[in-house]
Amino acid sequence: MHRRNCTRAEFAPFLVLLAVAACGSAPRATIGADDLFVGEALALRYVHEPYDAQRVRETCKVWHELHAPDGRTITKGLGGEYEHHRGLFFGFNQTKVGGKKFDFWHCNKGEAQRHAGFCAPSQLGLADEWQVAQIEWTEPSGTIVVSERRALRVRAIDERTWRFDFVSELAADRDVTLSGDPQHSGCQFRALAQFAEKGSEKVRYVRPSTAVAHANDVWTNCQWIAAILPLDGDDVTVLRVEMPGNPDNAQWSTRDYGRFGATFEQELKPGVPLRVRYAYVVAIGSLDEARCETLAAQVTSTGGSGSGRAGVR
């Protein structure tokens, strides 16, 4: 696959946290920087290393570490129960191309999601506040199966509430099917490893009244689902919202150890990229259904970037 025009960048210098952002603080992103801030507060870190066949588990995929507005890290990293679950991540365990099937969820058989550089946000029609990474989904031979441009930004809704926007443009130079079961595909969030420990207090979920339950903790007819993380000091709510224009009939999966999200099945055709987008609202405290519904409506009405089939830029 031909790599689109994205520049390589040096790792950004580490920046020290100084304070939690106040409402209305302007976010900032620098091309080539792994970190996103609200004011001076670290909100998100893009985690990636060059792929190394001698360190496959550590380098086979990229992911995003999220922080709450009070500075606490709320996502799991390497290791722990279900070690392939890391922060905010995206993949499909049944990616089919040319009679072959690849697993870009576990990446256990030589598959990898490799960081290939950073792009100017303008290449996706986005403003400078977005961080845009080029990610190559490669089969064991190193051949690119899917080329992704992934964009993230963060904004403060108020002092206790941040909004994270996630946009992914997926492209292929041959027919590719993205699919998988709801437990092992899509864009998903994994909370801290402590919630998977024996005897630990578990994550609770808030769902809209329209939600339909299925076997194995699968849910449909949801625009949003929120996880309540029982943390010392104060709970943290993570609200995930499906944005307008995404593929229909999203299937959600929720686990009490804090892995949750939704998936879809879609064909990729050469020259016709697919763009999907999601919003995550991270708030201090336990939000109820009414508040989650209000925030979801607010998020979808203000948008973030276009979804659906995107033109090649």
C-alpha atoms as a PDB file:
ATOM      1  CA  MET A   1       0.000   0.000   0.000  1.00  0.00           C
ATOM      2  CA  HIS A   2       1.237   3.490  -0.804  1.00  0.00           C
ATOM      3  CA  ARG A   3       1.829   5.548   2.328  1.00  0.00           C
ATOM      4  CA  ARG A   4       0.067   8.881   2.217  1.00  0.00           C
ATOM      5  CA  ASN A   5       1.945  12.105   2.706  1.00  0.00           C
ATOM      6  CA  CYS A   6       2.609  12.310   6.451  1.00  0.00           C
ATOM      7  CA  THR A   7       5.785  13.624   8.032  1.00  0.00           C
ATOM      8  CA  ARG A   8       7.994  11.784  10.515  1.00  0.00           C
ATOM      9  CA  ALA A   9       8.521  13.603  13.790  1.00  0.00           C
ATOM     10  CA  GLU A  10      10.855  13.492  16.733  1.00  0.00           C
ATOM     11  CA  PHE A  11       9.479  12.468  20.120  1.00  0.00           C
ATOM     12  CA  ALA A  12       8.246  15.539  21.960  1.00  0.00           C
ATOM     13  CA  PRO A  13      10.001  16.604  25.165  1.00  0.00           C
ATOM     14  CA  PHE A  14       8.262  15.609  28.367  1.00  0.00           C
ATOM     15  CA  LEU A  15       6.169  18.419  29.807  1.00  0.00           C
ATOM     16  CA  VAL A  16       5.507  18.704  33.526  1.00  0.00           C
ATOM     17  CA  LEU A  17       1.943  18.914  34.863  1.00  0.00           C
ATOM     18  CA  LEU A  18       1.404  22.247  36.543  1.00  0.00           C
ATOM     19  CA  ALA A  19      -2.323  22.573  37.203  1.00  0.00           C
ATOM     20  CA  VAL A  20      -5.781  21.323  36.413  1.00  0.00           C
ATOM     21  CA  ALA A  21      -7.394  23.362  33.654  1.00  0.00           C
ATOM     22  CA  ALA A  22     -10.206  25.760  34.311  1.00  0.00           C
ATOM     23  CA  CYS A  23     -13.382  25.797  32.238  1.00  0.00           C
ATOM     24  CA  GLY A  24     -12.774  27.265  28.798  1.00  0.00           C
ATOM     25  CA  SER A  25      -9.012  26.674  28.778  1.00  0.00           C
ATOM     26  CA  ALA A  26      -7.806  26.351  25.201  1.00  0.00           C
ATOM     27  CA  PRO A  27      -6.396  22.956  24.221  1.00  0.00           C
ATOM     28  CA  ARG A  28      -3.143  22.773  22.332  1.00  0.00           C
ATOM     29  CA  ALA A  29      -1.487  20.204  20.096  1.00  0.00           C
ATOM     30  CA  THR A  30       1.876  20.252  18.361  1.00  0.00           C
ATOM     31  CA  ILE A  31       2.606  18.134  15.314  1.00  0.00           C
ATOM     32  CA  GLY A  32       4.886  15.346  16.507  1.00  0.00           C
ATOM     33  CA  ALA A  33       3.864  15.613  20.168  1.00  0.00           C
ATOM     34  CA  ASP A  34       2.537  12.546  21.965  1.00  0.00           C
ATOM     35  CA  ASP A  35       0.734  14.529  24.686  1.00  0.00           C
ATOM     36  CA  LEU A  36      -2.447  16.595  24.642  1.00  0.00           C
ATOM     37  CA  PHE A  37      -3.199  19.149  27.345  1.00  0.00           C
ATOM     38  CA  VAL A  38      -6.058  21.201  28.694  1.00  0.00           C
ATOM     39  CA  GLY A  39      -4.305  24.346  29.824  1.00  0.00           C
ATOM     40  CA  GLU A  40      -1.211  22.916  31.551  1.00  0.00           C
ATOM     41  CA  ALA A  41      -2.911  19.687  32.653  1.00  0.00           C
ATOM     42  CA  LEU A  42      -1.974  16.458  30.866  1.00  0.00           C
ATOM     43  CA  ALA A  43      -5.131  14.937  29.383  1.00  0.00           C
ATOM     44  CA  LEU A  44      -3.970  12.275  26.919  1.00  0.00           C
ATOM     45  CA  ARG A  45      -0.740  10.514  25.971  1.00  0.00           C
ATOM     46  CA  TYR A  46      -0.346   8.652  22.670  1.00  0.00           C
ATOM     47  CA  VAL A  47       1.728   5.540  23.431  1.00  0.00           C
ATOM     48  CA  HIS A  48       3.765   3.947  20.650  1.00  0.00           C
ATOM     49  CA  GLU A  49       7.152   2.345  20.078  1.00  0.00           C
ATOM     50  CA  PRO A  50       8.845   1.178  16.875  1.00  0.00           C
ATOM     51  CA  TYR A  51       7.811  -2.398  16.172  1.00  0.00           C
ATOM     52  CA  ASP A  52      10.404  -4.869  17.492  1.00  0.00           C
ATOM     53  CA  ALA A  53      10.103  -8.594  16.770  1.00  0.00           C
ATOM     54  CA  GLN A  54      12.069  -9.249  19.972  1.00  0.00           C
ATOM     55  CA  ARG A  55       9.567  -7.225  22.031  1.00  0.00           C
ATOM     56  CA  VAL A  56       6.337  -8.051  20.256  1.00  0.00           C
ATOM     57  CA  ARG A  57       3.922  -7.602  23.159  1.00  0.00           C
ATOM     58  CA  GLU A  58       5.269  -4.163  24.045  1.00  0.00           C
ATOM     59  CA  THR A  59       5.427  -2.869  20.461  1.00  0.00           C
ATOM     60  CA  CYS A  60       2.671  -4.598  18.469  1.00  0.00           C
ATOM     61  CA  LYS A  61       0.014  -1.890  18.881  1.00  0.00           C
ATOM     62  CA  VAL A  62      -0.552   1.754  19.666  1.00  0.00           C
ATOM     63  CA  TRP A  63      -2.949   3.130  22.279  1.00  0.00           C
ATOM     64  CA  HIS A  64      -3.914   6.196  24.271  1.00  0.00           C
ATOM     65  CA  GLU A  65      -3.566   6.851  27.999  1.00  0.00           C
ATOM     66  CA  LEU A  66      -6.360   9.039  29.400  1.00  0.00           C
ATOM     67  CA  HIS A  67      -6.417  11.253  32.485  1.00  0.00           C
ATOM     68  CA  ALA A  68      -9.287  12.685  34.494  1.00  0.00           C
ATOM     69  CA  PRO A  69      -9.601  16.457  35.016  1.00  0.00           C
ATOM     70  CA  ASP A  70      -8.123  16.095  38.526  1.00  0.00           C
ATOM     71  CA  GLY A  71      -4.964  14.508  37.109  1.00  0.00           C
ATOM     72  CA  ARG A  72      -5.620  10.835  37.880  1.00  0.00           C
ATOM     73  CA  THR A  73      -4.736   8.248  35.229  1.00  0.00           C
ATOM     74  CA  ILE A  74      -7.875   6.226  34.466  1.00  0.00           C
ATOM     75  CA  THR A  75      -6.691   3.684  31.871  1.00  0.00           C
ATOM     76  CA  LYS A  76      -4.700   0.457  32.004  1.00  0.00           C
ATOM     77  CA  GLY A  77      -1.308   0.171  30.333  1.00  0.00           C
ATOM     78  CA  LEU A  78       0.890  -2.847  29.591  1.00  0.00           C
ATOM     79  CA  GLY A  79       0.452  -6.080  31.548  1.00  0.00           C
ATOM     80  CA  GLY A  80      -2.367  -7.090  33.835  1.00  0.00           C
ATOM     81  CA  GLU A  81      -5.432  -9.160  33.068  1.00  0.00           C
ATOM     82  CA  TYR A  82      -6.069  -9.206  29.298  1.00  0.00           C
ATOM     83  CA  GLU A  83      -2.770  -7.501  28.609  1.00  0.00           C
ATOM     84  CA  HIS A  84      -3.758  -6.598  25.037  1.00  0.00           C
ATOM     85  CA  HIS A  85      -6.354  -4.184  26.474  1.00  0.00           C
ATOM     86  CA  ARG A  86      -4.585  -0.850  26.750  1.00  0.00           C
ATOM     87  CA  GLY A  87      -6.146   2.528  27.385  1.00  0.00           C
ATOM     88  CA  LEU A  88      -8.237   3.766  24.496  1.00  0.00           C
ATOM     89  CA  PHE A  89      -7.625   1.416  21.565  1.00  0.00           C
ATOM     90  CA  PHE A  90      -9.083   0.420  18.197  1.00  0.00           C
ATOM     91  CA  GLY A  91      -8.934  -2.805  16.188  1.00  0.00           C
ATOM     92  CA  PHE A  92     -10.805  -5.776  14.754  1.00  0.00           C
ATOM     93  CA  ASN A  93     -10.074  -9.434  15.476  1.00  0.00           C
ATOM     94  CA  GLN A  94     -11.488 -10.542  12.128  1.00  0.00           C
ATOM     95  CA  THR A  95      -9.959  -8.365   9.434  1.00  0.00           C
ATOM     96  CA  LYS A  96     -10.355 -10.200   6.135  1.00  0.00           C
ATOM     97  CA  VAL A  97      -8.468  -9.601   2.902  1.00  0.00           C
ATOM     98  CA  GLY A  98      -7.678 -11.810  -0.094  1.00  0.00           C
ATOM     99  CA  GLY A  99      -8.870 -15.006   1.571  1.00  0.00           C
ATOM    100  CA  LYS A 100      -6.784 -14.335   4.691  1.00  0.00           C
ATOM    101  CA  LYS A 101      -7.896 -13.262   8.158  1.00  0.00           C
ATOM    102  CA  PHE A 102      -5.860 -11.096  10.513  1.00  0.00           C
ATOM    103  CA  ASP A 103      -6.373 -10.217  14.169  1.00  0.00           C
ATOM    104  CA  PHE A 104      -5.638  -6.554  14.866  1.00  0.00           C
ATOM    105  CA  TRP A 105      -7.135  -6.834  18.371  1.00  0.00           C
ATOM    106  CA  HIS A 106      -4.784  -9.339  20.020  1.00  0.00           C
ATOM    107  CA  CYS A 107      -1.916  -9.064  17.488  1.00  0.00           C
ATOM    108  CA  ASN A 108      -0.755 -12.525  18.542  1.00  0.00           C
ATOM    109  CA  LYS A 109       0.327 -13.917  15.174  1.00  0.00           C
ATOM    110  CA  GLY A 110       2.629 -11.267  13.799  1.00  0.00           C
ATOM    111  CA  GLU A 111       0.020  -8.625  13.074  1.00  0.00           C
ATOM    112  CA  ALA A 112       0.876  -5.116  14.233  1.00  0.00           C
ATOM    113  CA  GLN A 113      -0.411  -1.575  14.355  1.00  0.00           C
ATOM    114  CA  ARG A 114       2.690   0.514  13.672  1.00  0.00           C
ATOM    115  CA  HIS A 115       3.107   4.221  14.232  1.00  0.00           C
ATOM    116  CA  ALA A 116       4.320   5.701  10.939  1.00  0.00           C
ATOM    117  CA  GLY A 117       4.463   9.412  11.715  1.00  0.00           C
ATOM    118  CA  PHE A 118       2.303  12.443  12.377  1.00  0.00           C
ATOM    119  CA  CYS A 119       0.152  14.393   9.926  1.00  0.00           C
ATOM    120  CA  ALA A 120      -0.886  18.012   9.776  1.00  0.00           C
ATOM    121  CA  PRO A 121      -4.519  18.175  10.987  1.00  0.00           C
ATOM    122  CA  SER A 122      -5.390  20.109   7.852  1.00  0.00           C
ATOM    123  CA  GLN A 123      -4.928  16.895   5.849  1.00  0.00           C
ATOM    124  CA  LEU A 124      -8.154  15.680   7.476  1.00  0.00           C
ATOM    125  CA  GLY A 125      -9.834  19.064   7.367  1.00  0.00           C
ATOM    126  CA  LEU A 126      -9.252  19.587  11.097  1.00  0.00           C
ATOM    127  CA  ALA A 127      -8.049  22.516  13.179  1.00  0.00           C
ATOM    128  CA  ASP A 128      -4.621  22.758  14.799  1.00  0.00           C
ATOM    129  CA  GLU A 129      -5.876  21.538  18.195  1.00  0.00           C
ATOM    130  CA  TRP A 130      -6.015  17.955  16.849  1.00  0.00           C
ATOM    131  CA  GLN A 131      -3.233  15.367  17.149  1.00  0.00           C
ATOM    132  CA  VAL A 132      -3.156  13.229  13.973  1.00  0.00           C
ATOM    133  CA  ALA A 133      -1.115  10.023  13.740  1.00  0.00           C
ATOM    134  CA  GLN A 134      -0.509   7.795  10.742  1.00  0.00           C
ATOM    135  CA  ILE A 135      -0.900   4.117  11.776  1.00  0.00           C
ATOM    136  CA  GLU A 136      -0.191   1.145   9.534  1.00  0.00           C
ATOM    137  CA  TRP A 137      -2.038  -2.109  10.216  1.00  0.00           C
ATOM    138  CA  THR A 138       0.411  -4.715   8.919  1.00  0.00           C
ATOM    139  CA  GLU A 139       0.245  -8.448   8.353  1.00  0.00           C
ATOM    140  CA  PRO A 140       3.179 -10.616   9.573  1.00  0.00           C
ATOM    141  CA  SER A 141       5.131  -9.993   6.366  1.00  0.00           C
ATOM    142  CA  GLY A 142       4.970  -6.246   6.992  1.00  0.00           C
ATOM    143  CA  THR A 143       2.529  -5.622   4.115  1.00  0.00           C
ATOM    144  CA  ILE A 144       0.015  -2.898   4.957  1.00  0.00           C
ATOM    145  CA  VAL A 145      -3.571  -4.132   5.201  1.00  0.00           C
ATOM    146  CA  VAL A 146      -5.184  -0.907   6.448  1.00  0.00           C
ATOM    147  CA  SER A 147      -3.773   2.597   6.532  1.00  0.00           C
ATOM    148  CA  GLU A 148      -5.253   4.706   9.302  1.00  0.00           C
ATOM    149  CA  ARG A 149      -5.101   8.395  10.087  1.00  0.00           C
ATOM    150  CA  ARG A 150      -6.230   8.778  13.696  1.00  0.00           C
ATOM    151  CA  ALA A 151      -7.054  12.163  15.177  1.00  0.00           C
ATOM    152  CA  LEU A 152      -7.686  13.092  18.808  1.00  0.00           C
ATOM    153  CA  ARG A 153      -8.363  16.299  20.645  1.00  0.00           C
ATOM    154  CA  VAL A 154      -9.508  17.264  24.144  1.00  0.00           C
ATOM    155  CA  ARG A 155     -11.508  20.195  25.465  1.00  0.00           C
ATOM    156  CA  ALA A 156     -12.781  21.251  28.890  1.00  0.00           C
ATOM    157  CA  ILE A 157     -16.556  21.354  29.302  1.00  0.00           C
ATOM    158  CA  ASP A 158     -16.067  22.629  32.872  1.00  0.00           C
ATOM    159  CA  GLU A 159     -13.523  22.211  35.678  1.00  0.00           C
ATOM    160  CA  ARG A 160     -14.704  18.660  36.428  1.00  0.00           C
ATOM    161  CA  THR A 161     -15.541  17.493  32.905  1.00  0.00           C
ATOM    162  CA  TRP A 162     -13.412  16.947  29.801  1.00  0.00           C
ATOM    163  CA  ARG A 163     -14.432  15.895  26.312  1.00  0.00           C
ATOM    164  CA  PHE A 164     -12.156  13.699  24.178  1.00  0.00           C
ATOM    165  CA  ASP A 165     -12.888  13.405  20.446  1.00  0.00           C
ATOM    166  CA  PHE A 166     -11.624  10.417  18.453  1.00  0.00           C
ATOM    167  CA  VAL A 167     -11.687  10.392  14.632  1.00  0.00           C
ATOM    168  CA  SER A 168     -10.330   7.571  12.491  1.00  0.00           C
ATOM    169  CA  GLU A 169     -10.004   7.486   8.716  1.00  0.00           C
ATOM    170  CA  LEU A 170      -9.402   3.942   7.450  1.00  0.00           C
ATOM    171  CA  ALA A 171      -8.230   3.212   3.914  1.00  0.00           C
ATOM    172  CA  ALA A 172      -7.099   0.172   1.904  1.00  0.00           C
ATOM    173  CA  ASP A 173      -5.754  -0.425  -1.599  1.00  0.00           C
ATOM    174  CA  ARG A 174      -7.698  -3.712  -1.911  1.00  0.00           C
ATOM    175  CA  ASP A 175     -11.026  -4.996  -0.604  1.00  0.00           C
ATOM    176  CA  VAL A 176     -10.884  -5.417   3.180  1.00  0.00           C
ATOM    177  CA  THR A 177     -13.626  -6.475   5.597  1.00  0.00           C
ATOM    178  CA  LEU A 178     -13.483  -5.083   9.125  1.00  0.00           C
ATOM    179  CA  SER A 179     -15.405  -7.348  11.494  1.00  0.00           C
ATOM    180  CA  GLY A 180     -15.356  -9.126  14.828  1.00  0.00           C
ATOM    181  CA  ASP A 181     -17.472  -9.922  17.851  1.00  0.00           C
ATOM    182  CA  PRO A 182     -18.425  -7.090  20.241  1.00  0.00           C
ATOM    183  CA  GLN A 183     -15.908  -8.269  22.850  1.00  0.00           C
ATOM    184  CA  HIS A 184     -12.938  -8.118  20.470  1.00  0.00           C
ATOM    185  CA  SER A 185     -13.398  -5.304  17.974  1.00  0.00           C
ATOM    186  CA  GLY A 186     -14.161  -1.643  17.532  1.00  0.00           C
ATOM    187  CA  CYS A 187     -13.062   1.404  19.492  1.00  0.00           C
ATOM    188  CA  GLN A 188     -12.966   0.496  23.181  1.00  0.00           C
ATOM    189  CA  PHE A 189     -11.878   1.828  26.555  1.00  0.00           C
ATOM    190  CA  ARG A 190     -10.074  -0.187  29.236  1.00  0.00           C
ATOM    191  CA  ALA A 191     -10.043   1.125  32.787  1.00  0.00           C
ATOM    192  CA  LEU A 192      -7.269   0.591  35.322  1.00  0.00           C
ATOM    193  CA  ALA A 193      -6.083  -2.976  35.956  1.00  0.00           C
ATOM    194  CA  GLN A 194      -7.198  -2.830  39.601  1.00  0.00           C
ATOM    195  CA  PHE A 195     -10.829  -3.441  38.619  1.00  0.00           C
ATOM    196  CA  ALA A 196      -9.944  -6.911  37.294  1.00  0.00           C
ATOM    197  CA  GLU A 197      -8.319  -7.993  40.552  1.00  0.00           C
ATOM    198  CA  LYS A 198     -10.042 -10.621  42.678  1.00  0.00           C
ATOM    199  CA  GLY A 199     -12.244  -9.069  45.341  1.00  0.00           C
ATOM    200  CA  SER A 200     -12.018  -5.572  43.861  1.00  0.00           C
ATOM    201  CA  GLU A 201     -14.966  -3.211  43.564  1.00  0.00           C
ATOM    202  CA  LYS A 202     -16.211  -3.438  39.999  1.00  0.00           C
ATOM    203  CA  VAL A 203     -17.086  -0.886  37.360  1.00  0.00           C
ATOM    204  CA  ARG A 204     -20.795  -0.011  37.071  1.00  0.00           C
ATOM    205  CA  TYR A 205     -22.589   1.049  33.896  1.00  0.00           C
ATOM    206  CA  VAL A 206     -25.311   3.542  33.072  1.00  0.00           C
ATOM    207  CA  ARG A 207     -27.271   2.955  29.858  1.00  0.00           C
ATOM    208  CA  PRO A 208     -30.070   4.830  28.095  1.00  0.00           C
ATOM    209  CA  SER A 209     -33.627   3.614  28.585  1.00  0.00           C
ATOM    210  CA  THR A 210     -33.678   2.487  24.942  1.00  0.00           C
ATOM    211  CA  ALA A 211     -30.877  -0.059  25.480  1.00  0.00           C
ATOM    212  CA  VAL A 212     -31.667  -3.664  24.520  1.00  0.00           C
ATOM    213  CA  ALA A 213     -29.811  -6.435  26.389  1.00  0.00           C
ATOM    214  CA  HIS A 214     -28.486  -9.560  24.675  1.00  0.00           C
ATOM    215  CA  ALA A 215     -26.508 -12.584  25.836  1.00  0.00           C
ATOM    216  CA  ASN A 216     -22.921 -12.189  27.051  1.00  0.00           C
ATOM    217  CA  ASP A 217     -23.448  -8.590  28.145  1.00  0.00           C
ATOM    218  CA  VAL A 218     -23.975  -7.289  24.610  1.00  0.00           C
ATOM    219  CA  TRP A 219     -26.211  -4.248  24.122  1.00  0.00           C
ATOM    220  CA  THR A 220     -27.846  -2.608  21.121  1.00  0.00           C
ATOM    221  CA  ASN A 221     -30.023   0.435  20.435  1.00  0.00           C
ATOM    222  CA  CYS A 222     -27.655   2.653  22.407  1.00  0.00           C
ATOM    223  CA  GLN A 223     -26.262   5.999  21.340  1.00  0.00           C
ATOM    224  CA  TRP A 224     -24.181   6.049  24.508  1.00  0.00           C
ATOM    225  CA  ILE A 225     -23.069   4.017  27.520  1.00  0.00           C
ATOM    226  CA  ALA A 226     -21.247   5.329  30.585  1.00  0.00           C
ATOM    227  CA  ALA A 227     -18.852   3.502  32.923  1.00  0.00           C
ATOM    228  CA  ILE A 228     -18.620   4.538  36.572  1.00  0.00           C
ATOM    229  CA  LEU A 229     -15.102   3.888  37.874  1.00  0.00           C
ATOM    230  CA  PRO A 230     -15.100   3.480  41.689  1.00  0.00           C
ATOM    231  CA  LEU A 231     -11.874   5.238  42.602  1.00  0.00           C
ATOM    232  CA  ASP A 232     -10.505   6.522  45.910  1.00  0.00           C
ATOM    233  CA  GLY A 233     -11.458  10.099  46.613  1.00  0.00           C
ATOM    234  CA  ASP A 234     -14.260  10.328  44.078  1.00  0.00           C
ATOM    235  CA  ASP A 235     -15.701   8.187  41.319  1.00  0.00           C
ATOM    236  CA  VAL A 236     -14.972   9.008  37.673  1.00  0.00           C
ATOM    237  CA  THR A 237     -17.556   8.657  34.905  1.00  0.00           C
ATOM    238  CA  VAL A 238     -16.467   7.783  31.361  1.00  0.00           C
ATOM    239  CA  LEU A 239     -19.274   8.428  28.878  1.00  0.00           C
ATOM    240  CA  ARG A 240     -18.774   7.027  25.364  1.00  0.00           C
ATOM    241  CA  VAL A 241     -20.946   8.485  22.588  1.00  0.00           C
ATOM    242  CA  GLU A 242     -21.535   7.169  19.067  1.00  0.00           C
ATOM    243  CA  MET A 243     -21.455  10.155  16.749  1.00  0.00           C
ATOM    244  CA  PRO A 244     -23.851  10.719  13.813  1.00  0.00           C
ATOM    245  CA  GLY A 245     -22.767   9.222  10.495  1.00  0.00           C
ATOM    246  CA  ASN A 246     -21.015   6.157  11.912  1.00  0.00           C
ATOM    247  CA  PRO A 247     -21.959   2.737  10.506  1.00  0.00           C
ATOM    248  CA  ASP A 248     -25.406   1.648  11.673  1.00  0.00           C
ATOM    249  CA  ASN A 249     -26.312  -1.008  14.219  1.00  0.00           C
ATOM    250  CA  ALA A 250     -23.417  -0.633  16.620  1.00  0.00           C
ATOM    251  CA  GLN A 251     -23.088  -3.544  19.032  1.00  0.00           C
ATOM    252  CA  TRP A 252     -21.831  -2.671  22.498  1.00  0.00           C
ATOM    253  CA  SER A 253     -19.949  -4.823  24.989  1.00  0.00           C
ATOM    254  CA  THR A 254     -19.467  -3.964  28.682  1.00  0.00           C
ATOM    255  CA  ARG A 255     -17.400  -5.822  31.271  1.00  0.00           C
ATOM    256  CA  ASP A 256     -17.339  -5.189  35.007  1.00  0.00           C
ATOM    257  CA  TYR A 257     -13.535  -4.904  34.993  1.00  0.00           C
ATOM    258  CA  GLY A 258     -13.847  -1.768  32.873  1.00  0.00           C
ATOM    259  CA  ARG A 259     -13.486  -2.726  29.219  1.00  0.00           C
ATOM    260  CA  PHE A 260     -16.329  -1.316  27.160  1.00  0.00           C
ATOM    261  CA  GLY A 261     -17.105   0.029  23.707  1.00  0.00           C
ATOM    262  CA  ALA A 262     -18.923  -0.753  20.483  1.00  0.00           C
ATOM    263  CA  THR A 263     -18.163  -2.304  17.132  1.00  0.00           C
ATOM    264  CA  PHE A 264     -19.477  -2.524  13.570  1.00  0.00           C
ATOM    265  CA  GLU A 265     -18.829  -4.462  10.375  1.00  0.00           C
ATOM    266  CA  GLN A 266     -17.767  -2.613   7.245  1.00  0.00           C
ATOM    267  CA  GLU A 267     -16.224  -3.207   3.825  1.00  0.00           C
ATOM    268  CA  LEU A 268     -13.307  -1.013   2.800  1.00  0.00           C
ATOM    269  CA  LYS A 269     -12.957  -0.386  -0.938  1.00  0.00           C
ATOM    270  CA  PRO A 270      -9.848   0.982  -2.671  1.00  0.00           C
ATOM    271  CA  GLY A 271      -9.953   4.759  -2.986  1.00  0.00           C
ATOM    272  CA  VAL A 272     -12.964   5.124  -0.662  1.00  0.00           C
ATOM    273  CA  PRO A 273     -11.781   5.759   2.917  1.00  0.00           C
ATOM    274  CA  LEU A 274     -14.150   5.284   5.852  1.00  0.00           C
ATOM    275  CA  ARG A 275     -14.267   7.896   8.579  1.00  0.00           C
ATOM    276  CA  VAL A 276     -15.714   7.143  12.019  1.00  0.00           C
ATOM    277  CA  ARG A 277     -15.824   9.282  15.125  1.00  0.00           C
ATOM    278  CA  TYR A 278     -16.534   8.877  18.806  1.00  0.00           C
ATOM    279  CA  ALA A 279     -16.672  11.158  21.814  1.00  0.00           C
ATOM    280  CA  TYR A 280     -15.638  10.312  25.352  1.00  0.00           C
ATOM    281  CA  VAL A 281     -16.689  12.555  28.219  1.00  0.00           C
ATOM    282  CA  VAL A 282     -14.654  12.077  31.403  1.00  0.00           C
ATOM    283  CA  ALA A 283     -16.210  13.617  34.496  1.00  0.00           C
ATOM    284  CA  ILE A 284     -15.406  13.638  38.200  1.00  0.00           C
ATOM    285  CA  GLY A 285     -18.241  11.982  40.148  1.00  0.00           C
ATOM    286  CA  SER A 286     -20.986   9.487  39.323  1.00  0.00           C
ATOM    287  CA  LEU A 287     -23.287  10.785  36.591  1.00  0.00           C
ATOM    288  CA  ASP A 288     -26.858   9.523  36.379  1.00  0.00           C
ATOM    289  CA  GLU A 289     -28.824   8.645  33.241  1.00  0.00           C
ATOM    290  CA  ALA A 290     -30.349  12.109  32.892  1.00  0.00           C
ATOM    291  CA  ARG A 291     -26.979  13.857  33.034  1.00  0.00           C
ATOM    292  CA  CYS A 292     -25.431  11.347  30.620  1.00  0.00           C
ATOM    293  CA  GLU A 293     -28.318  11.888  28.208  1.00  0.00           C
ATOM    294  CA  THR A 294     -27.850  15.654  28.399  1.00  0.00           C
ATOM    295  CA  LEU A 295     -24.110  15.422  27.781  1.00  0.00           C
ATOM    296  CA  ALA A 296     -24.564  12.972  24.900  1.00  0.00           C
ATOM    297  CA  ALA A 297     -27.023  15.346  23.245  1.00  0.00           C
ATOM    298  CA  GLN A 298     -24.640  18.254  23.779  1.00  0.00           C
ATOM    299  CA  VAL A 299     -21.714  16.328  22.307  1.00  0.00           C
ATOM    300  CA  THR A 300     -23.573  15.173  19.204  1.00  0.00           C
ATOM    301  CA  SER A 301     -25.032  18.616  18.542  1.00  0.00           C
ATOM    302  CA  THR A 302     -21.635  20.313  18.603  1.00  0.00           C
ATOM    303  CA  GLY A 303     -20.013  17.591  16.489  1.00  0.00           C
ATOM    304  CA  GLY A 304     -16.293  17.363  15.888  1.00  0.00           C
ATOM    305  CA  SER A 305     -15.559  16.296  12.335  1.00  0.00           C
ATOM    306  CA  GLY A 306     -17.285  14.538   9.500  1.00  0.00           C
ATOM    307  CA  SER A 307     -18.120  10.839   9.569  1.00  0.00           C
ATOM    308  CA  GLY A 308     -18.924   8.362   6.854  1.00  0.00           C
ATOM    309  CA  ARG A 309     -17.149   7.993   3.538  1.00  0.00           C
ATOM    310  CA  ALA A 310     -14.378  10.548   3.292  1.00  0.00           C
ATOM    311  CA  GLY A 311     -12.708  11.840   0.176  1.00  0.00           C
ATOM    312  CA  VAL A 312      -9.034  11.143  -0.352  1.00  0.00           C
ATOM    313  CA  ARG A 313      -6.925  14.130   0.634  1.00  0.00           C
END
